Amino acid sequence: MWQLLLLAILQSLLLCSGQVFLKFALNAMGKPEWSWSFVVAQLTNWWFLATGVSLISCSILWMYILKKYPFSMAYPLASMSYVFGMLAAIFIFHEEVPLTRWLGVVLIMGGCYFIAK
């Protein structure tokens, strides 16, 4: 059971990091225009590469989790990515988080606890 929990945490971290990298990539992209120079500039946007690596790694790990563990346990544990997303919003993007969202995080973590138990 602990192995599933650790794999789910790693998968959620990879998913969240992919979304963080995607936000950085989109911020670095500038105004979209359909020209060759714009396309080349996006191919050298290293944030897009980091996004791809994170999301592909996340998907491969998710396939492993789904193959090895019961769906009824694995899928709810993927909701931990919401918790990591909230932490990224606070610590990386310096966003304000209202109390109601913290309550949601507590409920998600409680659900993950009961599923893993």
N, C-alpha and C. Protein backbone atom coordinates (compact mmCIF):
# COMPACT_ATOMS: atom_id res chain seq x y z
N MET A 1 0.80 -1.20 0.00
CA MET A 1 0.00 0.00 0.00
C MET A 1 0.84 1.26 0.00
N TRP A 2 1.93 1.23 0.78
CA TRP A 2 2.81 2.41 0.84
C TRP A 2 3.48 2.66 -0.49
N GLN A 3 3.74 1.57 -1.22
CA GLN A 3 4.35 1.74 -2.53
C GLN A 3 3.41 2.51 -3.46
N LEU A 4 2.13 2.18 -3.44
CA LEU A 4 1.16 2.91 -4.25
C LEU A 4 1.11 4.37 -3.85
N LEU A 5 1.12 4.65 -2.56
CA LEU A 5 1.07 6.03 -2.09
C LEU A 5 2.29 6.82 -2.57
N LEU A 6 3.46 6.22 -2.46
CA LEU A 6 4.68 6.91 -2.92
C LEU A 6 4.66 7.14 -4.44
N LEU A 7 4.21 6.12 -5.18
CA LEU A 7 4.12 6.28 -6.64
C LEU A 7 3.09 7.34 -7.01
N ALA A 8 1.98 7.39 -6.29
CA ALA A 8 0.95 8.39 -6.57
C ALA A 8 1.45 9.80 -6.26
N ILE A 9 2.22 9.94 -5.19
CA ILE A 9 2.82 11.25 -4.87
C ILE A 9 3.78 11.67 -5.98
N LEU A 10 4.63 10.75 -6.43
CA LEU A 10 5.57 11.07 -7.51
C LEU A 10 4.83 11.43 -8.79
N GLN A 11 3.79 10.67 -9.12
CA GLN A 11 3.01 10.94 -10.32
C GLN A 11 2.33 12.31 -10.22
N SER A 12 1.80 12.63 -9.06
CA SER A 12 1.15 13.93 -8.85
C SER A 12 2.16 15.08 -8.94
N LEU A 13 3.35 14.86 -8.41
CA LEU A 13 4.40 15.89 -8.51
C LEU A 13 4.82 16.11 -9.95
N LEU A 14 4.94 15.03 -10.72
CA LEU A 14 5.29 15.17 -12.14
C LEU A 14 4.19 15.90 -12.91
N LEU A 15 2.94 15.57 -12.62
CA LEU A 15 1.83 16.24 -13.28
C LEU A 15 1.81 17.73 -12.94
N CYS A 16 1.97 18.05 -11.68
CA CYS A 16 1.97 19.44 -11.25
C CYS A 16 3.16 20.21 -11.85
N SER A 17 4.32 19.59 -11.84
CA SER A 17 5.49 20.28 -12.41
C SER A 17 5.31 20.51 -13.90
N GLY A 18 4.69 19.58 -14.60
CA GLY A 18 4.40 19.79 -16.02
C GLY A 18 3.51 20.99 -16.24
N GLN A 19 2.51 21.17 -15.38
CA GLN A 19 1.62 22.32 -15.51
C GLN A 19 2.33 23.62 -15.16
N VAL A 20 3.20 23.58 -14.17
CA VAL A 20 3.99 24.77 -13.81
C VAL A 20 4.91 25.15 -14.96
N PHE A 21 5.59 24.16 -15.53
CA PHE A 21 6.47 24.43 -16.68
C PHE A 21 5.67 24.97 -17.86
N LEU A 22 4.46 24.46 -18.07
CA LEU A 22 3.62 24.95 -19.16
C LEU A 22 3.26 26.41 -18.95
N LYS A 23 2.95 26.79 -17.73
CA LYS A 23 2.64 28.20 -17.46
C LYS A 23 3.86 29.08 -17.73
N PHE A 24 5.04 28.63 -17.31
CA PHE A 24 6.27 29.38 -17.62
C PHE A 24 6.49 29.48 -19.13
N ALA A 25 6.26 28.38 -19.83
CA ALA A 25 6.44 28.36 -21.29
C ALA A 25 5.49 29.33 -21.96
N LEU A 26 4.25 29.35 -21.54
CA LEU A 26 3.27 30.26 -22.14
C LEU A 26 3.58 31.71 -21.82
N ASN A 27 4.08 31.97 -20.62
CA ASN A 27 4.49 33.34 -20.27
C ASN A 27 5.68 33.79 -21.09
N ALA A 28 6.59 32.87 -21.40
CA ALA A 28 7.78 33.21 -22.19
C ALA A 28 7.48 33.29 -23.68
N MET A 29 6.33 32.79 -24.09
CA MET A 29 6.00 32.68 -25.51
C MET A 29 5.82 34.04 -26.16
N GLY A 30 5.28 34.99 -25.48
CA GLY A 30 4.99 36.27 -26.10
C GLY A 30 3.72 36.20 -26.92
N LYS A 31 3.50 37.22 -27.72
CA LYS A 31 2.29 37.30 -28.52
C LYS A 31 2.34 36.27 -29.65
N PRO A 32 1.32 35.39 -29.74
CA PRO A 32 1.33 34.38 -30.80
C PRO A 32 1.14 34.99 -32.19
N GLU A 33 1.93 34.52 -33.10
CA GLU A 33 1.78 34.91 -34.51
C GLU A 33 2.20 33.72 -35.35
N TRP A 34 1.62 33.57 -36.50
CA TRP A 34 1.89 32.41 -37.33
C TRP A 34 2.96 32.74 -38.36
N SER A 35 4.20 32.73 -37.90
CA SER A 35 5.33 32.95 -38.79
C SER A 35 6.39 31.91 -38.47
N TRP A 36 7.28 31.71 -39.41
CA TRP A 36 8.35 30.73 -39.23
C TRP A 36 9.23 31.08 -38.04
N SER A 37 9.56 32.34 -37.88
CA SER A 37 10.43 32.75 -36.77
C SER A 37 9.76 32.50 -35.42
N PHE A 38 8.44 32.67 -35.36
CA PHE A 38 7.71 32.40 -34.12
C PHE A 38 7.77 30.92 -33.78
N VAL A 39 7.57 30.06 -34.77
CA VAL A 39 7.61 28.61 -34.56
C VAL A 39 9.00 28.19 -34.09
N VAL A 40 10.04 28.70 -34.73
CA VAL A 40 11.42 28.37 -34.35
C VAL A 40 11.69 28.85 -32.92
N ALA A 41 11.20 30.02 -32.59
CA ALA A 41 11.40 30.54 -31.24
C ALA A 41 10.74 29.62 -30.20
N GLN A 42 9.60 29.04 -30.54
CA GLN A 42 8.92 28.14 -29.59
C GLN A 42 9.67 26.82 -29.46
N LEU A 43 10.34 26.39 -30.52
CA LEU A 43 11.11 25.15 -30.46
C LEU A 43 12.34 25.30 -29.57
N THR A 44 12.77 26.52 -29.34
CA THR A 44 13.91 26.75 -28.45
C THR A 44 13.46 27.23 -27.07
N ASN A 45 12.16 27.18 -26.82
CA ASN A 45 11.62 27.52 -25.49
C ASN A 45 11.79 26.29 -24.60
N TRP A 46 12.79 26.33 -23.72
CA TRP A 46 13.13 25.18 -22.91
C TRP A 46 12.04 24.82 -21.91
N TRP A 47 11.17 25.77 -21.61
CA TRP A 47 10.05 25.46 -20.72
C TRP A 47 9.11 24.46 -21.37
N PHE A 48 8.93 24.57 -22.70
CA PHE A 48 8.09 23.59 -23.40
C PHE A 48 8.72 22.20 -23.34
N LEU A 49 10.04 22.13 -23.47
CA LEU A 49 10.72 20.83 -23.37
C LEU A 49 10.53 20.24 -21.97
N ALA A 50 10.69 21.07 -20.95
CA ALA A 50 10.49 20.60 -19.58
C ALA A 50 9.06 20.13 -19.37
N THR A 51 8.10 20.84 -19.98
CA THR A 51 6.70 20.43 -19.90
C THR A 51 6.52 19.04 -20.49
N GLY A 52 7.06 18.83 -21.67
CA GLY A 52 6.94 17.53 -22.34
C GLY A 52 7.56 16.40 -21.54
N VAL A 53 8.76 16.63 -21.03
CA VAL A 53 9.45 15.59 -20.26
C VAL A 53 8.64 15.24 -19.01
N SER A 54 8.15 16.26 -18.31
CA SER A 54 7.37 16.02 -17.09
C SER A 54 6.08 15.27 -17.39
N LEU A 55 5.35 15.70 -18.40
CA LEU A 55 4.05 15.09 -18.68
C LEU A 55 4.19 13.69 -19.29
N ILE A 56 5.22 13.46 -20.09
CA ILE A 56 5.44 12.11 -20.61
C ILE A 56 5.85 11.16 -19.48
N SER A 57 6.73 11.63 -18.60
CA SER A 57 7.12 10.81 -17.44
C SER A 57 5.92 10.51 -16.56
N CYS A 58 5.10 11.52 -16.35
CA CYS A 58 3.88 11.36 -15.55
C CYS A 58 2.96 10.31 -16.18
N SER A 59 2.80 10.36 -17.49
CA SER A 59 1.91 9.42 -18.18
C SER A 59 2.43 7.99 -18.11
N ILE A 60 3.73 7.82 -18.26
CA ILE A 60 4.32 6.48 -18.19
C ILE A 60 4.15 5.90 -16.78
N LEU A 61 4.41 6.73 -15.77
CA LEU A 61 4.22 6.28 -14.39
C LEU A 61 2.75 5.98 -14.12
N TRP A 62 1.85 6.77 -14.66
CA TRP A 62 0.41 6.54 -14.48
C TRP A 62 -0.01 5.21 -15.11
N MET A 63 0.53 4.90 -16.28
CA MET A 63 0.21 3.62 -16.91
C MET A 63 0.68 2.46 -16.04
N TYR A 64 1.86 2.59 -15.44
CA TYR A 64 2.37 1.56 -14.55
C TYR A 64 1.44 1.40 -13.34
N ILE A 65 1.04 2.52 -12.74
CA ILE A 65 0.16 2.48 -11.57
C ILE A 65 -1.16 1.80 -11.92
N LEU A 66 -1.75 2.19 -13.05
CA LEU A 66 -3.04 1.61 -13.44
C LEU A 66 -2.94 0.12 -13.72
N LYS A 67 -1.81 -0.32 -14.26
CA LYS A 67 -1.64 -1.73 -14.56
C LYS A 67 -1.47 -2.56 -13.28
N LYS A 68 -0.78 -2.00 -12.30
CA LYS A 68 -0.41 -2.78 -11.12
C LYS A 68 -1.40 -2.70 -9.96
N TYR A 69 -2.15 -1.61 -9.84
CA TYR A 69 -2.98 -1.39 -8.66
C TYR A 69 -4.46 -1.27 -9.04
N PRO A 70 -5.36 -1.52 -8.07
CA PRO A 70 -6.78 -1.38 -8.35
C PRO A 70 -7.14 0.08 -8.71
N PHE A 71 -7.95 0.22 -9.71
CA PHE A 71 -8.37 1.54 -10.19
C PHE A 71 -9.07 2.33 -9.08
N SER A 72 -9.85 1.64 -8.25
CA SER A 72 -10.60 2.31 -7.19
C SER A 72 -9.69 2.92 -6.13
N MET A 73 -8.45 2.49 -6.06
CA MET A 73 -7.48 3.08 -5.13
C MET A 73 -6.58 4.07 -5.84
N ALA A 74 -6.15 3.74 -7.05
CA ALA A 74 -5.17 4.57 -7.75
C ALA A 74 -5.76 5.91 -8.18
N TYR A 75 -6.95 5.88 -8.76
CA TYR A 75 -7.51 7.10 -9.34
C TYR A 75 -7.76 8.19 -8.31
N PRO A 76 -8.37 7.90 -7.17
CA PRO A 76 -8.57 8.96 -6.18
C PRO A 76 -7.25 9.56 -5.66
N LEU A 77 -6.20 8.73 -5.59
CA LEU A 77 -4.93 9.26 -5.10
C LEU A 77 -4.30 10.25 -6.07
N ALA A 78 -4.72 10.22 -7.32
CA ALA A 78 -4.22 11.19 -8.29
C ALA A 78 -4.68 12.60 -7.94
N SER A 79 -5.67 12.72 -7.08
CA SER A 79 -6.16 14.05 -6.69
C SER A 79 -5.14 14.82 -5.85
N MET A 80 -4.08 14.15 -5.43
CA MET A 80 -3.04 14.87 -4.71
C MET A 80 -2.38 15.93 -5.58
N SER A 81 -2.52 15.82 -6.89
CA SER A 81 -1.96 16.84 -7.77
C SER A 81 -2.62 18.20 -7.52
N TYR A 82 -3.88 18.21 -7.04
CA TYR A 82 -4.54 19.47 -6.70
C TYR A 82 -3.84 20.14 -5.52
N VAL A 83 -3.42 19.33 -4.57
CA VAL A 83 -2.72 19.87 -3.40
C VAL A 83 -1.39 20.47 -3.84
N PHE A 84 -0.64 19.74 -4.65
CA PHE A 84 0.64 20.26 -5.12
C PHE A 84 0.45 21.50 -5.99
N GLY A 85 -0.63 21.53 -6.75
CA GLY A 85 -0.94 22.71 -7.55
C GLY A 85 -1.20 23.93 -6.68
N MET A 86 -1.90 23.72 -5.58
CA MET A 86 -2.15 24.82 -4.65
C MET A 86 -0.85 25.33 -4.05
N LEU A 87 0.03 24.42 -3.67
CA LEU A 87 1.32 24.82 -3.11
C LEU A 87 2.17 25.55 -4.15
N ALA A 88 2.11 25.11 -5.40
CA ALA A 88 2.83 25.80 -6.47
C ALA A 88 2.28 27.20 -6.68
N ALA A 89 0.96 27.34 -6.61
CA ALA A 89 0.36 28.66 -6.77
C ALA A 89 0.87 29.63 -5.70
N ILE A 90 1.04 29.11 -4.49
CA ILE A 90 1.48 29.96 -3.39
C ILE A 90 2.98 30.26 -3.47
N PHE A 91 3.79 29.20 -3.59
CA PHE A 91 5.23 29.37 -3.46
C PHE A 91 5.94 29.76 -4.76
N ILE A 92 5.39 29.40 -5.89
CA ILE A 92 6.05 29.72 -7.16
C ILE A 92 5.45 30.96 -7.81
N PHE A 93 4.09 31.02 -7.83
CA PHE A 93 3.42 32.12 -8.51
C PHE A 93 2.96 33.22 -7.55
N HIS A 94 3.18 33.04 -6.25
CA HIS A 94 2.88 34.04 -5.22
C HIS A 94 1.43 34.51 -5.29
N GLU A 95 0.51 33.55 -5.39
CA GLU A 95 -0.91 33.86 -5.44
C GLU A 95 -1.50 33.83 -4.03
N GLU A 96 -2.55 34.59 -3.84
CA GLU A 96 -3.30 34.56 -2.59
C GLU A 96 -4.28 33.38 -2.65
N VAL A 97 -4.37 32.65 -1.56
CA VAL A 97 -5.26 31.49 -1.51
C VAL A 97 -6.26 31.70 -0.37
N PRO A 98 -7.55 31.78 -0.69
CA PRO A 98 -8.55 32.00 0.36
C PRO A 98 -8.75 30.76 1.23
N LEU A 99 -9.37 30.98 2.36
CA LEU A 99 -9.60 29.92 3.35
C LEU A 99 -10.42 28.76 2.78
N THR A 100 -11.37 29.05 1.91
CA THR A 100 -12.21 27.98 1.36
C THR A 100 -11.38 26.99 0.54
N ARG A 101 -10.36 27.47 -0.15
CA ARG A 101 -9.50 26.55 -0.90
C ARG A 101 -8.66 25.70 0.03
N TRP A 102 -8.22 26.29 1.16
CA TRP A 102 -7.49 25.49 2.14
C TRP A 102 -8.38 24.39 2.71
N LEU A 103 -9.65 24.71 2.91
CA LEU A 103 -10.59 23.70 3.38
C LEU A 103 -10.69 22.57 2.35
N GLY A 104 -10.72 22.91 1.08
CA GLY A 104 -10.74 21.90 0.03
C GLY A 104 -9.50 21.02 0.06
N VAL A 105 -8.34 21.62 0.30
CA VAL A 105 -7.10 20.86 0.39
C VAL A 105 -7.15 19.88 1.56
N VAL A 106 -7.66 20.33 2.69
CA VAL A 106 -7.77 19.46 3.86
C VAL A 106 -8.70 18.29 3.56
N LEU A 107 -9.81 18.55 2.90
CA LEU A 107 -10.74 17.48 2.55
C LEU A 107 -10.11 16.49 1.56
N ILE A 108 -9.39 16.99 0.58
CA ILE A 108 -8.70 16.11 -0.38
C ILE A 108 -7.69 15.23 0.34
N MET A 109 -6.88 15.82 1.21
CA MET A 109 -5.87 15.04 1.92
C MET A 109 -6.54 14.01 2.85
N GLY A 110 -7.66 14.38 3.46
CA GLY A 110 -8.39 13.41 4.29
C GLY A 110 -8.89 12.25 3.46
N GLY A 111 -9.41 12.54 2.28
CA GLY A 111 -9.87 11.47 1.40
C GLY A 111 -8.73 10.57 0.97
N CYS A 112 -7.59 11.14 0.65
CA CYS A 112 -6.42 10.33 0.28
C CYS A 112 -5.99 9.44 1.44
N TYR A 113 -6.07 9.95 2.65
CA TYR A 113 -5.71 9.16 3.83
C TYR A 113 -6.62 7.93 3.95
N PHE A 114 -7.93 8.15 3.82
CA PHE A 114 -8.87 7.05 3.96
C PHE A 114 -8.75 6.03 2.82
N ILE A 115 -8.42 6.48 1.65
CA ILE A 115 -8.24 5.57 0.52
C ILE A 115 -6.99 4.72 0.71
N ALA A 116 -5.92 5.34 1.20
CA ALA A 116 -4.65 4.63 1.37
C ALA A 116 -4.68 3.71 2.59
N LYS A 117 -5.57 3.94 3.51
CA LYS A 117 -5.61 3.16 4.75
C LYS A 117 -6.14 1.76 4.52
